[in-house]
Amino acid sequence: MPLPALQAQDAEAPEGYDQALSSFRSGRYEESLQTIRGVFDNNRSSMHLRLLAAANYAALGDYDSAVAHMQYAMKDHPNRAEPRAMLAGIFRRQGRTDQAIRIAQTGLRQAGDNLDLRLELAAAYYAANRLTEARAQLERALALDAQNFHAIYLDGMIFLRQARYDNARFRFMNALNLEQLPRADLVGLYVNMGFALERLGDAALEEGQRGQAVSQWREAVRYYQYALRLDPQNGQARENLNRVEAREI
């Protein structure tokens, strides 16, 4: 899942924020940071700018700068969930799952129940292969937002890791049926849906049901192709597609 959403936002966003946010969403991270620098001296305590700066630095792989911004934000806003959720996400990206878990847990104690913190805690547990704990956090997240894409998708990923492919397919379809899908996550969702279908086809073949197997494999091909339309350079989608197409389907 991505870093937490950039919406902390009791106070009005400072001048220049919308422009910087637009650059960030377009993948122009240095341009976004340059805009932030232009207004930062007069807005050093702005959570908007701190969160967005951290997201830009994380996208560029400069995790030290991203962490520093969140540490300042936590000092300026000690009871807010957003900087802790962002910091947990940064640590998770770095593979520092124990620290991500601690930060998210501390945030929940200090800031109260919060969707982004629950999602980050679930994602960190998943990364640590602590699947029972991850699902417990997802249940809490879904109690806050039953239609949350990231919670439903991660639930499917847990099923996928557990080799419960029919359950994974069901949850991935739940995610695909939501009204608003984050485009950045669609490629991964299509690839994982394809993989679940591919494995269901393999299971059908082992049971002597070749017709059912071929049907599942063809569906898998369709989802791998969807992924490649969005990201033609996606190596995982291409590898999976080639593997399935090599079968007699």
C-alpha atoms as a PDB file:
ATOM      1  CA  MET A   1       0.000   0.000   0.000  1.00  0.00           C
ATOM      2  CA  PRO A   2       1.103   3.594  -0.495  1.00  0.00           C
ATOM      3  CA  LEU A   3       2.091   6.109   2.118  1.00  0.00           C
ATOM      4  CA  PRO A   4      -0.867   7.480   4.093  1.00  0.00           C
ATOM      5  CA  ALA A   5      -3.181   9.953   2.437  1.00  0.00           C
ATOM      6  CA  LEU A   6      -2.147  13.587   2.603  1.00  0.00           C
ATOM      7  CA  GLN A   7      -5.085  14.962   4.479  1.00  0.00           C
ATOM      8  CA  ALA A   8      -4.528  16.298   7.940  1.00  0.00           C
ATOM      9  CA  GLN A   9      -6.177  19.058   7.545  1.00  0.00           C
ATOM     10  CA  ASP A  10      -7.920  21.056  10.106  1.00  0.00           C
ATOM     11  CA  ALA A  11      -6.187  24.298   9.198  1.00  0.00           C
ATOM     12  CA  GLU A  12      -6.270  25.860   5.751  1.00  0.00           C
ATOM     13  CA  ALA A  13      -3.472  24.746   3.463  1.00  0.00           C
ATOM     14  CA  PRO A  14      -0.764  27.370   2.958  1.00  0.00           C
ATOM     15  CA  GLU A  15      -0.216  29.122  -0.335  1.00  0.00           C
ATOM     16  CA  GLY A  16       1.600  26.926  -2.811  1.00  0.00           C
ATOM     17  CA  TYR A  17       0.392  23.662  -1.313  1.00  0.00           C
ATOM     18  CA  ASP A  18      -2.090  22.821  -4.063  1.00  0.00           C
ATOM     19  CA  GLN A  19       0.559  23.405  -6.725  1.00  0.00           C
ATOM     20  CA  ALA A  20       3.065  21.230  -4.852  1.00  0.00           C
ATOM     21  CA  LEU A  21       0.454  18.513  -4.360  1.00  0.00           C
ATOM     22  CA  SER A  22      -0.376  18.523  -8.068  1.00  0.00           C
ATOM     23  CA  SER A  23       3.313  18.097  -8.931  1.00  0.00           C
ATOM     24  CA  PHE A  24       3.609  15.233  -6.442  1.00  0.00           C
ATOM     25  CA  ARG A  25       0.606  13.419  -7.886  1.00  0.00           C
ATOM     26  CA  SER A  26       2.115  13.758 -11.357  1.00  0.00           C
ATOM     27  CA  GLY A  27       5.375  12.207 -10.190  1.00  0.00           C
ATOM     28  CA  ARG A  28       7.309  15.484 -10.390  1.00  0.00           C
ATOM     29  CA  TYR A  29       8.812  15.152  -6.931  1.00  0.00           C
ATOM     30  CA  GLU A  30      11.704  17.604  -7.220  1.00  0.00           C
ATOM     31  CA  GLU A  31       9.360  20.210  -8.661  1.00  0.00           C
ATOM     32  CA  SER A  32       6.972  19.652  -5.759  1.00  0.00           C
ATOM     33  CA  LEU A  33       9.813  20.060  -3.257  1.00  0.00           C
ATOM     34  CA  GLN A  34      10.960  23.254  -4.951  1.00  0.00           C
ATOM     35  CA  THR A  35       7.471  24.724  -4.563  1.00  0.00           C
ATOM     36  CA  ILE A  36       7.416  23.700  -0.897  1.00  0.00           C
ATOM     37  CA  ARG A  37      10.803  25.326  -0.286  1.00  0.00           C
ATOM     38  CA  GLY A  38       9.484  28.569  -1.719  1.00  0.00           C
ATOM     39  CA  VAL A  39       6.830  28.898   1.001  1.00  0.00           C
ATOM     40  CA  PHE A  40       8.335  26.833   3.811  1.00  0.00           C
ATOM     41  CA  ASP A  41      10.115  29.534   5.828  1.00  0.00           C
ATOM     42  CA  ASN A  42       6.793  31.181   6.678  1.00  0.00           C
ATOM     43  CA  ASN A  43       4.994  27.866   7.310  1.00  0.00           C
ATOM     44  CA  ARG A  44       7.419  25.658   9.235  1.00  0.00           C
ATOM     45  CA  SER A  45       4.717  24.238  11.500  1.00  0.00           C
ATOM     46  CA  SER A  46       2.373  23.394   8.604  1.00  0.00           C
ATOM     47  CA  MET A  47       1.430  19.732   8.728  1.00  0.00           C
ATOM     48  CA  HIS A  48       0.326  19.975   5.100  1.00  0.00           C
ATOM     49  CA  LEU A  49       3.816  20.913   3.951  1.00  0.00           C
ATOM     50  CA  ARG A  50       5.611  18.506   6.273  1.00  0.00           C
ATOM     51  CA  LEU A  51       3.520  15.531   5.120  1.00  0.00           C
ATOM     52  CA  LEU A  52       3.890  16.424   1.469  1.00  0.00           C
ATOM     53  CA  ALA A  53       7.630  17.035   1.775  1.00  0.00           C
ATOM     54  CA  ALA A  54       8.041  13.651   3.480  1.00  0.00           C
ATOM     55  CA  ALA A  55       6.009  11.921   0.765  1.00  0.00           C
ATOM     56  CA  ASN A  56       8.193  13.514  -1.924  1.00  0.00           C
ATOM     57  CA  TYR A  57      11.433  12.548  -0.214  1.00  0.00           C
ATOM     58  CA  ALA A  58      10.195   8.993   0.336  1.00  0.00           C
ATOM     59  CA  ALA A  59       9.265   8.733  -3.350  1.00  0.00           C
ATOM     60  CA  LEU A  60      12.809   9.838  -4.218  1.00  0.00           C
ATOM     61  CA  GLY A  61      14.311   7.315  -1.802  1.00  0.00           C
ATOM     62  CA  ASP A  62      15.655  10.003   0.554  1.00  0.00           C
ATOM     63  CA  TYR A  63      14.238   8.393   3.664  1.00  0.00           C
ATOM     64  CA  ASP A  64      16.401  10.326   6.122  1.00  0.00           C
ATOM     65  CA  SER A  65      14.863  13.619   4.992  1.00  0.00           C
ATOM     66  CA  ALA A  66      11.380  12.110   5.028  1.00  0.00           C
ATOM     67  CA  VAL A  67      11.858  10.843   8.590  1.00  0.00           C
ATOM     68  CA  ALA A  68      13.232  14.207   9.719  1.00  0.00           C
ATOM     69  CA  HIS A  69      10.133  16.025   8.464  1.00  0.00           C
ATOM     70  CA  MET A  70       7.866  13.634  10.343  1.00  0.00           C
ATOM     71  CA  GLN A  71       9.872  13.984  13.540  1.00  0.00           C
ATOM     72  CA  TYR A  72       9.432  17.750  13.368  1.00  0.00           C
ATOM     73  CA  ALA A  73       5.726  17.299  12.613  1.00  0.00           C
ATOM     74  CA  MET A  74       5.259  15.026  15.633  1.00  0.00           C
ATOM     75  CA  LYS A  75       6.985  17.607  17.821  1.00  0.00           C
ATOM     76  CA  ASP A  76       4.745  20.409  16.510  1.00  0.00           C
ATOM     77  CA  HIS A  77       1.578  18.266  16.548  1.00  0.00           C
ATOM     78  CA  PRO A  78       2.052  15.737  19.383  1.00  0.00           C
ATOM     79  CA  ASN A  79      -1.523  14.464  19.440  1.00  0.00           C
ATOM     80  CA  ARG A  80      -2.085  14.047  15.719  1.00  0.00           C
ATOM     81  CA  ALA A  81      -2.240  10.688  13.974  1.00  0.00           C
ATOM     82  CA  GLU A  82      -1.124  11.785  10.502  1.00  0.00           C
ATOM     83  CA  PRO A  83       2.634  12.218  11.040  1.00  0.00           C
ATOM     84  CA  ARG A  84       2.825   8.924  12.924  1.00  0.00           C
ATOM     85  CA  ALA A  85       0.976   7.109  10.155  1.00  0.00           C
ATOM     86  CA  MET A  86       3.298   8.655   7.586  1.00  0.00           C
ATOM     87  CA  LEU A  87       6.393   7.763   9.606  1.00  0.00           C
ATOM     88  CA  ALA A  88       5.176   4.183  10.032  1.00  0.00           C
ATOM     89  CA  GLY A  89       4.704   3.999   6.266  1.00  0.00           C
ATOM     90  CA  ILE A  90       8.215   5.297   5.643  1.00  0.00           C
ATOM     91  CA  PHE A  91       9.723   2.735   8.009  1.00  0.00           C
ATOM     92  CA  ARG A  92       7.650   0.016   6.348  1.00  0.00           C
ATOM     93  CA  ARG A  93       8.992   0.976   2.937  1.00  0.00           C
ATOM     94  CA  GLN A  94      12.504   0.701   4.311  1.00  0.00           C
ATOM     95  CA  GLY A  95      11.841  -2.781   5.669  1.00  0.00           C
ATOM     96  CA  ARG A  96      12.028  -1.515   9.255  1.00  0.00           C
ATOM     97  CA  THR A  97       8.845  -3.310  10.228  1.00  0.00           C
ATOM     98  CA  ASP A  98       9.470  -3.448  13.975  1.00  0.00           C
ATOM     99  CA  GLN A  99       9.829   0.335  14.085  1.00  0.00           C
ATOM    100  CA  ALA A 100       6.768   0.775  11.884  1.00  0.00           C
ATOM    101  CA  ILE A 101       4.738  -1.363  14.278  1.00  0.00           C
ATOM    102  CA  ARG A 102       5.941   0.561  17.330  1.00  0.00           C
ATOM    103  CA  ILE A 103       5.221   3.953  15.778  1.00  0.00           C
ATOM    104  CA  ALA A 104       1.711   2.929  14.709  1.00  0.00           C
ATOM    105  CA  GLN A 105       0.933   1.419  18.110  1.00  0.00           C
ATOM    106  CA  THR A 106       2.157   4.551  19.877  1.00  0.00           C
ATOM    107  CA  GLY A 107       0.074   6.686  17.549  1.00  0.00           C
ATOM    108  CA  LEU A 108      -3.071   4.733  18.369  1.00  0.00           C
ATOM    109  CA  ARG A 109      -2.439   5.205  22.087  1.00  0.00           C
ATOM    110  CA  GLN A 110      -1.747   8.920  21.787  1.00  0.00           C
ATOM    111  CA  ALA A 111      -4.074  10.004  18.996  1.00  0.00           C
ATOM    112  CA  GLY A 112      -6.923   7.510  19.368  1.00  0.00           C
ATOM    113  CA  ASP A 113      -8.376   5.176  16.780  1.00  0.00           C
ATOM    114  CA  ASN A 114      -7.465   6.219  13.257  1.00  0.00           C
ATOM    115  CA  LEU A 115      -7.900   4.557   9.876  1.00  0.00           C
ATOM    116  CA  ASP A 116      -4.438   5.346   8.490  1.00  0.00           C
ATOM    117  CA  LEU A 117      -2.751   4.078  11.648  1.00  0.00           C
ATOM    118  CA  ARG A 118      -4.780   0.860  11.565  1.00  0.00           C
ATOM    119  CA  LEU A 119      -3.885   0.336   7.905  1.00  0.00           C
ATOM    120  CA  GLU A 120      -0.205   1.010   8.509  1.00  0.00           C
ATOM    121  CA  LEU A 121      -0.146  -1.360  11.464  1.00  0.00           C
ATOM    122  CA  ALA A 122      -1.849  -4.042   9.364  1.00  0.00           C
ATOM    123  CA  ALA A 123       0.599  -3.497   6.492  1.00  0.00           C
ATOM    124  CA  ALA A 124       3.592  -3.701   8.831  1.00  0.00           C
ATOM    125  CA  TYR A 125       2.313  -6.930  10.387  1.00  0.00           C
ATOM    126  CA  TYR A 126       1.767  -8.311   6.871  1.00  0.00           C
ATOM    127  CA  ALA A 127       5.315  -7.367   5.887  1.00  0.00           C
ATOM    128  CA  ALA A 128       6.544  -9.186   8.999  1.00  0.00           C
ATOM    129  CA  ASN A 129       4.424 -12.233   8.040  1.00  0.00           C
ATOM    130  CA  ARG A 130       2.354 -11.833  11.205  1.00  0.00           C
ATOM    131  CA  LEU A 131      -0.838 -12.521   9.320  1.00  0.00           C
ATOM    132  CA  THR A 132      -3.227 -13.108  12.223  1.00  0.00           C
ATOM    133  CA  GLU A 133      -2.277  -9.755  13.734  1.00  0.00           C
ATOM    134  CA  ALA A 134      -2.518  -8.077  10.333  1.00  0.00           C
ATOM    135  CA  ARG A 135      -6.058  -9.339   9.825  1.00  0.00           C
ATOM    136  CA  ALA A 136      -7.087  -8.213  13.331  1.00  0.00           C
ATOM    137  CA  GLN A 137      -6.009  -4.676  12.432  1.00  0.00           C
ATOM    138  CA  LEU A 138      -7.851  -4.872   9.112  1.00  0.00           C
ATOM    139  CA  GLU A 139     -11.036  -5.787  10.952  1.00  0.00           C
ATOM    140  CA  ARG A 140     -10.637  -2.623  13.034  1.00  0.00           C
ATOM    141  CA  ALA A 141      -9.910  -0.580   9.901  1.00  0.00           C
ATOM    142  CA  LEU A 142     -12.975  -1.942   8.099  1.00  0.00           C
ATOM    143  CA  ALA A 143     -15.103  -1.086  11.128  1.00  0.00           C
ATOM    144  CA  LEU A 144     -14.036   2.522  10.518  1.00  0.00           C
ATOM    145  CA  ASP A 145     -14.508   2.363   6.729  1.00  0.00           C
ATOM    146  CA  ALA A 146     -16.160  -0.747   5.307  1.00  0.00           C
ATOM    147  CA  GLN A 147     -15.408   0.341   1.725  1.00  0.00           C
ATOM    148  CA  ASN A 148     -11.730   1.124   2.175  1.00  0.00           C
ATOM    149  CA  PHE A 149      -9.812  -0.096  -0.866  1.00  0.00           C
ATOM    150  CA  HIS A 150      -6.499  -0.664   0.896  1.00  0.00           C
ATOM    151  CA  ALA A 151      -8.062  -2.698   3.706  1.00  0.00           C
ATOM    152  CA  ILE A 152      -9.985  -4.928   1.304  1.00  0.00           C
ATOM    153  CA  TYR A 153      -6.986  -5.353  -1.009  1.00  0.00           C
ATOM    154  CA  LEU A 154      -4.635  -6.214   1.856  1.00  0.00           C
ATOM    155  CA  ASP A 155      -7.179  -8.714   3.158  1.00  0.00           C
ATOM    156  CA  GLY A 156      -6.983 -10.390  -0.246  1.00  0.00           C
ATOM    157  CA  MET A 157      -3.191 -10.352  -0.099  1.00  0.00           C
ATOM    158  CA  ILE A 158      -3.281 -12.160   3.243  1.00  0.00           C
ATOM    159  CA  PHE A 159      -5.481 -14.862   1.717  1.00  0.00           C
ATOM    160  CA  LEU A 160      -3.093 -15.064  -1.244  1.00  0.00           C
ATOM    161  CA  ARG A 161      -0.101 -15.577   1.040  1.00  0.00           C
ATOM    162  CA  GLN A 162      -2.051 -18.277   2.884  1.00  0.00           C
ATOM    163  CA  ALA A 163      -2.700 -20.036  -0.469  1.00  0.00           C
ATOM    164  CA  ARG A 164      -6.445 -19.551   0.025  1.00  0.00           C
ATOM    165  CA  TYR A 165      -6.878 -18.543  -3.587  1.00  0.00           C
ATOM    166  CA  ASP A 166     -10.666 -18.556  -3.821  1.00  0.00           C
ATOM    167  CA  ASN A 167     -10.907 -16.224  -0.823  1.00  0.00           C
ATOM    168  CA  ALA A 168      -8.222 -14.011  -2.344  1.00  0.00           C
ATOM    169  CA  ARG A 169     -10.102 -13.812  -5.647  1.00  0.00           C
ATOM    170  CA  PHE A 170     -13.289 -12.881  -3.778  1.00  0.00           C
ATOM    171  CA  ARG A 171     -11.595 -10.031  -1.892  1.00  0.00           C
ATOM    172  CA  PHE A 172      -9.795  -8.756  -4.983  1.00  0.00           C
ATOM    173  CA  MET A 173     -13.135  -8.652  -6.789  1.00  0.00           C
ATOM    174  CA  ASN A 174     -14.605  -6.751  -3.839  1.00  0.00           C
ATOM    175  CA  ALA A 175     -11.821  -4.204  -4.271  1.00  0.00           C
ATOM    176  CA  LEU A 176     -12.368  -3.953  -8.035  1.00  0.00           C
ATOM    177  CA  ASN A 177     -16.083  -3.338  -7.513  1.00  0.00           C
ATOM    178  CA  LEU A 178     -15.522  -0.225  -5.402  1.00  0.00           C
ATOM    179  CA  GLU A 179     -16.594   3.043  -6.999  1.00  0.00           C
ATOM    180  CA  GLN A 180     -13.262   4.849  -6.655  1.00  0.00           C
ATOM    181  CA  LEU A 181     -10.120   2.861  -7.374  1.00  0.00           C
ATOM    182  CA  PRO A 182      -6.650   4.355  -6.831  1.00  0.00           C
ATOM    183  CA  ARG A 183      -5.037   4.005 -10.252  1.00  0.00           C
ATOM    184  CA  ALA A 184      -1.589   3.600  -8.713  1.00  0.00           C
ATOM    185  CA  ASP A 185      -2.700   0.336  -7.081  1.00  0.00           C
ATOM    186  CA  LEU A 186      -4.569  -1.146 -10.034  1.00  0.00           C
ATOM    187  CA  VAL A 187      -1.548  -2.761 -11.665  1.00  0.00           C
ATOM    188  CA  GLY A 188      -0.713  -4.730  -8.533  1.00  0.00           C
ATOM    189  CA  LEU A 189      -4.346  -5.648  -8.020  1.00  0.00           C
ATOM    190  CA  TYR A 190      -4.649  -6.976 -11.573  1.00  0.00           C
ATOM    191  CA  VAL A 191      -1.427  -8.988 -11.241  1.00  0.00           C
ATOM    192  CA  ASN A 192      -2.506 -10.518  -7.941  1.00  0.00           C
ATOM    193  CA  MET A 193      -5.998 -11.287  -9.217  1.00  0.00           C
ATOM    194  CA  GLY A 194      -4.388 -13.012 -12.191  1.00  0.00           C
ATOM    195  CA  PHE A 195      -2.134 -15.032  -9.915  1.00  0.00           C
ATOM    196  CA  ALA A 196      -5.059 -16.170  -7.737  1.00  0.00           C
ATOM    197  CA  LEU A 197      -6.943 -17.276 -10.854  1.00  0.00           C
ATOM    198  CA  GLU A 198      -3.865 -19.024 -12.225  1.00  0.00           C
ATOM    199  CA  ARG A 199      -3.463 -21.024  -9.022  1.00  0.00           C
ATOM    200  CA  LEU A 200      -7.166 -21.904  -9.014  1.00  0.00           C
ATOM    201  CA  GLY A 201      -6.670 -23.243 -12.527  1.00  0.00           C
ATOM    202  CA  ASP A 202      -3.717 -25.315 -11.368  1.00  0.00           C
ATOM    203  CA  ALA A 203      -5.825 -26.785  -8.556  1.00  0.00           C
ATOM    204  CA  ALA A 204      -8.628 -27.634 -10.991  1.00  0.00           C
ATOM    205  CA  LEU A 205      -6.169 -29.415 -13.282  1.00  0.00           C
ATOM    206  CA  GLU A 206      -4.846 -31.482 -10.368  1.00  0.00           C
ATOM    207  CA  GLU A 207      -8.425 -32.601  -9.744  1.00  0.00           C
ATOM    208  CA  GLY A 208      -8.800 -33.675 -13.368  1.00  0.00           C
ATOM    209  CA  GLN A 209     -11.044 -30.740 -14.331  1.00  0.00           C
ATOM    210  CA  ARG A 210      -9.162 -29.479 -17.368  1.00  0.00           C
ATOM    211  CA  GLY A 211     -12.043 -27.431 -18.744  1.00  0.00           C
ATOM    212  CA  GLN A 212     -12.322 -25.534 -15.469  1.00  0.00           C
ATOM    213  CA  ALA A 213      -8.547 -25.099 -15.378  1.00  0.00           C
ATOM    214  CA  VAL A 214      -8.457 -23.598 -18.868  1.00  0.00           C
ATOM    215  CA  SER A 215     -11.291 -21.224 -17.966  1.00  0.00           C
ATOM    216  CA  GLN A 216      -9.394 -19.965 -14.911  1.00  0.00           C
ATOM    217  CA  TRP A 217      -6.147 -19.603 -16.851  1.00  0.00           C
ATOM    218  CA  ARG A 218      -7.868 -17.569 -19.554  1.00  0.00           C
ATOM    219  CA  GLU A 219      -9.249 -15.268 -16.883  1.00  0.00           C
ATOM    220  CA  ALA A 220      -5.746 -14.957 -15.442  1.00  0.00           C
ATOM    221  CA  VAL A 221      -4.432 -13.958 -18.875  1.00  0.00           C
ATOM    222  CA  ARG A 222      -7.073 -11.250 -19.074  1.00  0.00           C
ATOM    223  CA  TYR A 223      -5.987  -9.684 -15.790  1.00  0.00           C
ATOM    224  CA  TYR A 224      -2.289  -9.864 -16.646  1.00  0.00           C
ATOM    225  CA  GLN A 225      -3.106  -8.083 -19.903  1.00  0.00           C
ATOM    226  CA  TYR A 226      -5.028  -5.414 -17.988  1.00  0.00           C
ATOM    227  CA  ALA A 227      -1.930  -4.830 -15.859  1.00  0.00           C
ATOM    228  CA  LEU A 228       0.297  -4.533 -18.923  1.00  0.00           C
ATOM    229  CA  ARG A 229      -2.012  -2.005 -20.551  1.00  0.00           C
ATOM    230  CA  LEU A 230      -1.531   0.253 -17.558  1.00  0.00           C
ATOM    231  CA  ASP A 231       2.170  -0.554 -17.144  1.00  0.00           C
ATOM    232  CA  PRO A 232       3.704  -2.089 -20.294  1.00  0.00           C
ATOM    233  CA  GLN A 233       7.081  -2.448 -18.558  1.00  0.00           C
ATOM    234  CA  ASN A 234       5.772  -4.437 -15.593  1.00  0.00           C
ATOM    235  CA  GLY A 235       8.100  -7.417 -15.397  1.00  0.00           C
ATOM    236  CA  GLN A 236       5.964  -9.501 -13.037  1.00  0.00           C
ATOM    237  CA  ALA A 237       2.862  -9.193 -15.190  1.00  0.00           C
ATOM    238  CA  ARG A 238       4.888 -10.083 -18.305  1.00  0.00           C
ATOM    239  CA  GLU A 239       6.515 -13.109 -16.646  1.00  0.00           C
ATOM    240  CA  ASN A 240       3.186 -14.396 -15.351  1.00  0.00           C
ATOM    241  CA  LEU A 241       1.482 -13.867 -18.701  1.00  0.00           C
ATOM    242  CA  ASN A 242       4.214 -15.747 -20.562  1.00  0.00           C
ATOM    243  CA  ARG A 243       3.987 -18.622 -18.090  1.00  0.00           C
ATOM    244  CA  VAL A 244       0.241 -19.041 -18.540  1.00  0.00           C
ATOM    245  CA  GLU A 245       0.297 -18.581 -22.308  1.00  0.00           C
ATOM    246  CA  ALA A 246       2.916 -21.343 -22.571  1.00  0.00           C
ATOM    247  CA  ARG A 247       0.221 -23.792 -21.478  1.00  0.00           C
ATOM    248  CA  GLU A 248      -2.205 -25.323 -23.915  1.00  0.00           C
ATOM    249  CA  ILE A 249      -5.156 -23.036 -23.324  1.00  0.00           C
END
